[in-house]
Amino acid sequence: MNKTGSTRKRGPMRSPPNTPRNPSEDSPYVLGNDAEQATYRFAALEGCYDGVSRQRLAETGLGSGWRCWEVGAGGGALAGWLSDQVAATGQVVATDVAPSHLGWLRERANVQVMTHDVVREDPPEKDFDLIHARLVLLHLPQREAVVPRLAAALAPGGWLVVEEFDCAWTPVMSAPSREASALFERIQAAFLRVLRQAGADPLWGRKIYSALLRSGLEEVSSTTFAQAWHGGGSGVELHRANTRQLHSELAATGIRNEELRDYWNLLDDPNFAVNSYPMISARGRRPRTPP
């Protein structure tokens, strides 16, 4: 078992296939889990951000016997880690609108895997000690309404931890040419337009602190993590997976195939570096007694 708690085996995480996405009609996510590129996206996110998420979750006092809900569990690595932390006396509910990547978690006695839509359905249970949602609400037009519903599913004294990107701040830090830098910025801007058109808010990360306050939570705090992603590294594979999955949508914005080809080549260039998506981790606690 690796440090994320995952027992999955993956093949090489380079050059995800350039196949069109085929989302289910009910999926609210433009970057759905049913596309082939999802596996590559999970690998990039887990490698770059799971360590930060584990640290933030551990800071809540997480331990044996806790009841946790992992919202939008994706590939399941964090849900697997949570199951280790809560041990046999605890429980982890791992939900996703498309839980096809979570089958390996069903072997764990303290994990319940569920198909669940956090917008349309009531919480699977109540009185959770910890609820965690990473890079989920950003994609949902109803995000503002979901936060108080999550807060209400907490036990008194329970923690809600929401982690989201602020996608607007990804400056190019090094590039082989001025033209290469401009190319990255052009395709990144087109990618964010596609997200907005699908109802996502690429700036949601900077808004979650106030959303937790408005939900009546106490002890609200946040931290921000970012690092340099260099060409050929694991971090830029997130950009590759996302743009390959949304190839058709990017083309509709005017991005040409040769531009995408040059962009994907740039992601392999050791002279290229870009700031990672800053991940803002915010947490708040449900009051132990009613106000």
Protein backbone atom coordinates (compact mmCIF):
# COMPACT_ATOMS: atom_id res chain seq x y z
CA MET A 1 0.00 0.00 0.00
CA ASN A 2 1.37 3.45 -0.84
CA LYS A 3 1.22 6.58 1.26
CA THR A 4 -2.17 7.60 -0.11
CA GLY A 5 -3.76 4.42 1.14
CA SER A 6 -4.37 3.22 -2.40
CA THR A 7 -3.72 -0.32 -3.53
CA ARG A 8 -4.44 0.45 -7.17
CA LYS A 9 -2.00 -0.38 -9.92
CA ARG A 10 -1.62 2.06 -12.77
CA GLY A 11 0.23 2.00 -16.04
CA PRO A 12 2.47 4.83 -17.24
CA MET A 13 0.95 8.24 -16.60
CA ARG A 14 2.19 9.97 -19.74
CA SER A 15 0.44 11.07 -22.92
CA PRO A 16 -3.22 10.30 -22.13
CA PRO A 17 -5.15 9.30 -25.23
CA ASN A 18 -6.77 12.04 -27.26
CA THR A 19 -10.28 10.58 -27.26
CA PRO A 20 -13.47 12.59 -26.97
CA ARG A 21 -15.24 12.61 -23.65
CA ASN A 22 -18.51 10.74 -23.34
CA PRO A 23 -20.17 12.07 -20.19
CA SER A 24 -23.39 10.66 -18.90
CA GLU A 25 -26.40 12.89 -19.38
CA ASP A 26 -26.73 13.43 -15.64
CA SER A 27 -23.09 14.31 -14.95
CA PRO A 28 -22.64 17.99 -13.99
CA TYR A 29 -18.90 17.84 -14.66
CA VAL A 30 -17.36 18.88 -17.95
CA LEU A 31 -14.33 16.87 -16.78
CA GLY A 32 -16.21 13.69 -16.02
CA ASN A 33 -14.69 10.55 -14.51
CA ASP A 34 -15.94 8.39 -17.37
CA ALA A 35 -13.32 9.66 -19.82
CA GLU A 36 -10.07 7.75 -20.34
CA GLN A 37 -8.10 10.83 -19.29
CA ALA A 38 -9.59 10.72 -15.78
CA THR A 39 -7.01 8.17 -14.64
CA TYR A 40 -4.20 10.50 -15.67
CA ARG A 41 -5.89 13.44 -13.96
CA PHE A 42 -6.27 11.46 -10.73
CA ALA A 43 -2.58 10.52 -10.82
CA ALA A 44 -1.48 14.13 -11.28
CA LEU A 45 -3.76 15.43 -8.54
CA GLU A 46 -2.81 12.70 -6.10
CA GLY A 47 0.91 13.19 -6.70
CA CYS A 48 0.82 16.96 -6.35
CA TYR A 49 -1.89 17.61 -3.79
CA ASP A 50 -2.67 14.55 -1.66
CA GLY A 51 0.15 15.28 0.77
CA VAL A 52 -1.27 18.75 1.39
CA SER A 53 -4.81 17.43 1.77
CA ARG A 54 -3.70 14.74 4.24
CA GLN A 55 -1.96 17.36 6.34
CA ARG A 56 -5.00 19.64 6.38
CA LEU A 57 -7.31 16.77 7.30
CA ALA A 58 -4.98 15.56 10.05
CA GLU A 59 -5.00 19.05 11.57
CA THR A 60 -8.69 18.60 12.47
CA GLY A 61 -7.71 15.94 15.02
CA LEU A 62 -8.83 13.08 12.77
CA GLY A 63 -8.46 9.72 14.45
CA SER A 64 -9.89 6.33 15.33
CA GLY A 65 -13.65 6.09 15.45
CA TRP A 66 -14.38 9.15 13.31
CA ARG A 67 -17.23 9.09 10.79
CA CYS A 68 -16.12 10.76 7.55
CA TRP A 69 -17.69 11.64 4.21
CA GLU A 70 -15.44 12.04 1.17
CA VAL A 71 -17.49 14.01 -1.37
CA GLY A 72 -16.58 13.41 -5.01
CA ALA A 73 -14.07 10.72 -4.13
CA GLY A 74 -12.63 10.46 -7.66
CA GLY A 75 -9.95 7.79 -7.71
CA GLY A 76 -10.40 7.08 -4.00
CA ALA A 77 -6.86 7.62 -2.71
CA LEU A 78 -7.91 10.08 0.00
CA ALA A 79 -10.88 7.93 1.00
CA GLY A 80 -8.47 5.01 1.36
CA TRP A 81 -6.18 7.11 3.53
CA LEU A 82 -9.12 8.22 5.67
CA SER A 83 -10.12 4.60 6.21
CA ASP A 84 -6.66 3.92 7.63
CA GLN A 85 -6.92 6.89 9.98
CA VAL A 86 -10.35 6.07 11.41
CA ALA A 87 -9.46 2.38 11.80
CA ALA A 88 -11.95 -0.42 12.38
CA THR A 89 -14.12 1.59 14.76
CA GLY A 90 -14.62 4.41 12.24
CA GLN A 91 -16.44 4.75 8.96
CA VAL A 92 -15.78 6.44 5.61
CA VAL A 93 -18.56 7.12 3.13
CA ALA A 94 -17.02 7.69 -0.33
CA THR A 95 -19.45 9.18 -2.85
CA ASP A 96 -19.28 10.23 -6.47
CA VAL A 97 -21.72 10.74 -9.34
CA ALA A 98 -19.59 8.24 -11.26
CA PRO A 99 -17.87 5.92 -8.75
CA SER A 100 -16.41 3.61 -11.39
CA HIS A 101 -12.86 4.15 -10.07
CA LEU A 102 -13.76 3.28 -6.47
CA GLY A 103 -14.30 -0.47 -6.75
CA TRP A 104 -11.09 -1.26 -4.89
CA LEU A 105 -12.43 0.52 -1.79
CA ARG A 106 -15.32 -1.90 -1.47
CA GLU A 107 -12.89 -4.45 -0.05
CA ARG A 108 -12.49 -2.32 3.06
CA ALA A 109 -14.92 -3.11 5.87
CA ASN A 110 -15.03 0.48 7.13
CA VAL A 111 -15.70 2.09 3.72
CA GLN A 112 -19.08 2.49 2.05
CA VAL A 113 -18.99 3.45 -1.64
CA MET A 114 -22.10 5.16 -2.99
CA THR A 115 -23.32 6.73 -6.20
CA HIS A 116 -24.47 10.14 -5.02
CA ASP A 117 -25.22 13.58 -6.43
CA VAL A 118 -24.43 16.21 -3.82
CA VAL A 119 -26.66 18.75 -5.60
CA ARG A 120 -29.82 16.68 -6.09
CA GLU A 121 -29.73 14.24 -3.18
CA ASP A 122 -29.76 14.57 0.57
CA PRO A 123 -26.52 13.73 2.41
CA PRO A 124 -26.09 9.95 2.68
CA GLU A 125 -26.06 10.23 6.46
CA LYS A 126 -25.83 12.91 9.14
CA ASP A 127 -23.65 13.66 12.13
CA PHE A 128 -20.32 13.25 10.37
CA ASP A 129 -17.20 14.16 12.32
CA LEU A 130 -15.47 15.20 9.09
CA ILE A 131 -16.68 16.05 5.60
CA HIS A 132 -14.11 16.67 2.87
CA ALA A 133 -14.70 17.94 -0.65
CA ARG A 134 -11.76 18.63 -2.98
CA LEU A 135 -12.19 20.16 -6.43
CA VAL A 136 -15.88 19.28 -6.53
CA LEU A 137 -17.91 22.41 -5.84
CA LEU A 138 -15.94 24.49 -8.34
CA HIS A 139 -17.73 22.60 -11.11
CA LEU A 140 -21.26 22.97 -9.73
CA PRO A 141 -23.46 25.95 -10.60
CA GLN A 142 -25.28 25.29 -7.30
CA ARG A 143 -22.06 25.45 -5.26
CA GLU A 144 -23.26 28.23 -2.95
CA ALA A 145 -26.30 26.17 -1.93
CA VAL A 146 -24.30 22.97 -1.39
CA VAL A 147 -21.96 24.38 1.27
CA PRO A 148 -24.64 24.94 3.96
CA ARG A 149 -26.09 21.51 3.22
CA LEU A 150 -22.71 19.96 3.89
CA ALA A 151 -22.34 22.00 7.07
CA ALA A 152 -25.74 20.79 8.27
CA ALA A 153 -24.63 17.15 7.83
CA LEU A 154 -21.90 17.60 10.44
CA ALA A 155 -22.16 16.43 14.01
CA PRO A 156 -21.81 19.19 16.61
CA GLY A 157 -18.10 19.97 16.68
CA GLY A 158 -17.54 18.29 13.31
CA TRP A 159 -15.29 19.75 10.61
CA LEU A 160 -15.99 20.66 7.00
CA VAL A 161 -12.85 20.90 4.84
CA VAL A 162 -13.26 22.29 1.33
CA GLU A 163 -10.30 22.50 -1.05
CA GLU A 164 -10.53 24.32 -4.36
CA PHE A 165 -8.32 25.87 -7.01
CA ASP A 166 -7.97 29.52 -7.84
CA CYS A 167 -7.41 28.88 -11.53
CA ALA A 168 -6.66 32.47 -12.46
CA TRP A 169 -3.11 32.56 -11.10
CA THR A 170 -0.95 30.24 -13.19
CA PRO A 171 1.86 32.52 -14.42
CA VAL A 172 4.49 31.07 -16.73
CA MET A 173 7.74 31.10 -14.79
CA SER A 174 10.07 29.95 -17.55
CA ALA A 175 9.60 29.23 -21.25
CA PRO A 176 11.87 28.48 -24.23
CA SER A 177 10.47 31.55 -26.03
CA ARG A 178 8.04 34.41 -25.68
CA GLU A 179 5.81 32.70 -28.23
CA ALA A 180 5.72 29.52 -26.14
CA SER A 181 4.67 31.50 -23.08
CA ALA A 182 1.91 33.21 -25.07
CA LEU A 183 0.72 29.84 -26.38
CA PHE A 184 0.31 28.43 -22.88
CA GLU A 185 -1.58 31.52 -21.77
CA ARG A 186 -3.87 31.39 -24.81
CA ILE A 187 -4.82 27.75 -24.30
CA GLN A 188 -5.21 28.19 -20.55
CA ALA A 189 -7.59 31.11 -21.14
CA ALA A 190 -9.60 29.00 -23.60
CA PHE A 191 -9.73 26.12 -21.10
CA LEU A 192 -11.12 28.43 -18.41
CA ARG A 193 -13.73 29.71 -20.84
CA VAL A 194 -14.88 26.14 -21.44
CA LEU A 195 -15.19 25.61 -17.68
CA ARG A 196 -17.23 28.79 -17.23
CA GLN A 197 -19.54 27.84 -20.10
CA ALA A 198 -20.20 24.54 -18.31
CA GLY A 199 -21.21 26.37 -15.12
CA ALA A 200 -17.90 26.11 -13.26
CA ASP A 201 -16.32 28.97 -11.32
CA PRO A 202 -12.52 28.94 -11.85
CA LEU A 203 -12.18 31.53 -9.04
CA TRP A 204 -14.17 29.54 -6.49
CA GLY A 205 -11.09 28.85 -4.37
CA ARG A 206 -10.88 32.46 -3.21
CA LYS A 207 -14.57 32.41 -2.20
CA ILE A 208 -14.80 29.31 -0.02
CA TYR A 209 -13.64 31.03 3.20
CA SER A 210 -16.61 33.39 3.14
CA ALA A 211 -18.94 30.54 2.08
CA LEU A 212 -17.99 28.61 5.23
CA LEU A 213 -18.63 31.68 7.38
CA ARG A 214 -22.06 32.20 5.82
CA SER A 215 -22.88 28.56 6.61
CA GLY A 216 -22.58 29.26 10.31
CA LEU A 217 -19.30 27.44 10.89
CA GLU A 218 -16.80 28.53 13.52
CA GLU A 219 -12.99 28.48 13.71
CA VAL A 220 -12.83 29.13 9.96
CA SER A 221 -9.32 29.22 8.54
CA SER A 222 -7.54 28.63 5.26
CA THR A 223 -4.14 27.98 3.75
CA THR A 224 -2.91 28.14 0.16
CA PHE A 225 -0.49 25.76 -1.53
CA ALA A 226 1.30 26.29 -4.85
CA GLN A 227 4.57 25.17 -6.43
CA ALA A 228 6.41 25.33 -9.74
CA TRP A 229 5.48 22.68 -12.29
CA HIS A 230 8.29 22.05 -14.77
CA GLY A 231 8.09 20.58 -18.22
CA GLY A 232 8.29 16.80 -18.16
CA GLY A 233 7.16 16.63 -14.53
CA SER A 234 4.08 15.04 -13.02
CA GLY A 235 2.28 18.32 -12.33
CA VAL A 236 1.95 19.47 -15.94
CA GLU A 237 0.32 16.13 -16.76
CA LEU A 238 -2.82 17.64 -15.25
CA HIS A 239 -2.83 20.26 -18.04
CA ARG A 240 -2.24 17.53 -20.61
CA ALA A 241 -5.07 15.31 -19.36
CA ASN A 242 -7.55 18.17 -19.10
CA THR A 243 -6.86 19.62 -22.53
CA ARG A 244 -6.91 16.22 -24.23
CA GLN A 245 -10.24 15.43 -22.61
CA LEU A 246 -11.68 18.78 -23.76
CA HIS A 247 -10.03 18.76 -27.18
CA SER A 248 -13.33 19.25 -29.01
CA GLU A 249 -14.49 22.02 -26.70
CA LEU A 250 -11.19 23.87 -27.08
CA ALA A 251 -11.40 23.57 -30.85
CA ALA A 252 -14.82 25.21 -30.66
CA THR A 253 -13.21 28.26 -29.03
CA GLY A 254 -10.81 28.65 -31.95
CA ILE A 255 -7.82 26.64 -30.73
CA ARG A 256 -6.26 24.85 -33.70
CA ASN A 257 -4.96 21.27 -33.65
CA GLU A 258 -1.42 22.41 -34.38
CA GLU A 259 -1.56 24.78 -31.42
CA LEU A 260 -2.58 21.95 -29.12
CA ARG A 261 0.22 19.79 -30.55
CA ASP A 262 2.77 22.53 -29.82
CA TYR A 263 1.23 23.03 -26.37
CA TRP A 264 1.56 19.34 -25.49
CA ASN A 265 5.16 19.40 -26.70
CA LEU A 266 5.79 22.43 -24.51
CA LEU A 267 4.63 20.47 -21.47
CA ASP A 268 7.56 18.10 -22.10
CA ASP A 269 10.15 20.87 -22.43
CA PRO A 270 12.52 21.07 -19.40
CA ASN A 271 12.92 24.79 -20.10
CA PHE A 272 9.23 25.34 -19.38
CA ALA A 273 7.83 25.95 -15.90
CA VAL A 274 4.47 27.25 -14.75
CA ASN A 275 2.97 27.97 -11.38
CA SER A 276 0.67 25.18 -10.27
CA TYR A 277 -2.97 25.83 -9.64
CA PRO A 278 -3.02 27.35 -6.15
CA MET A 279 -5.12 25.09 -3.93
CA ILE A 280 -6.92 26.89 -1.14
CA SER A 281 -7.80 24.62 1.77
CA ALA A 282 -10.50 26.09 4.01
CA ARG A 283 -12.05 24.50 7.03
CA GLY A 284 -14.74 25.35 9.56
CA ARG A 285 -16.33 23.68 12.55
CA ARG A 286 -19.98 23.23 13.36
CA PRO A 287 -20.78 24.83 16.74
CA ARG A 288 -20.96 22.34 19.57
CA THR A 289 -24.11 24.02 20.89
CA PRO A 290 -26.84 25.81 18.93
CA PRO A 291 -26.35 29.61 18.66
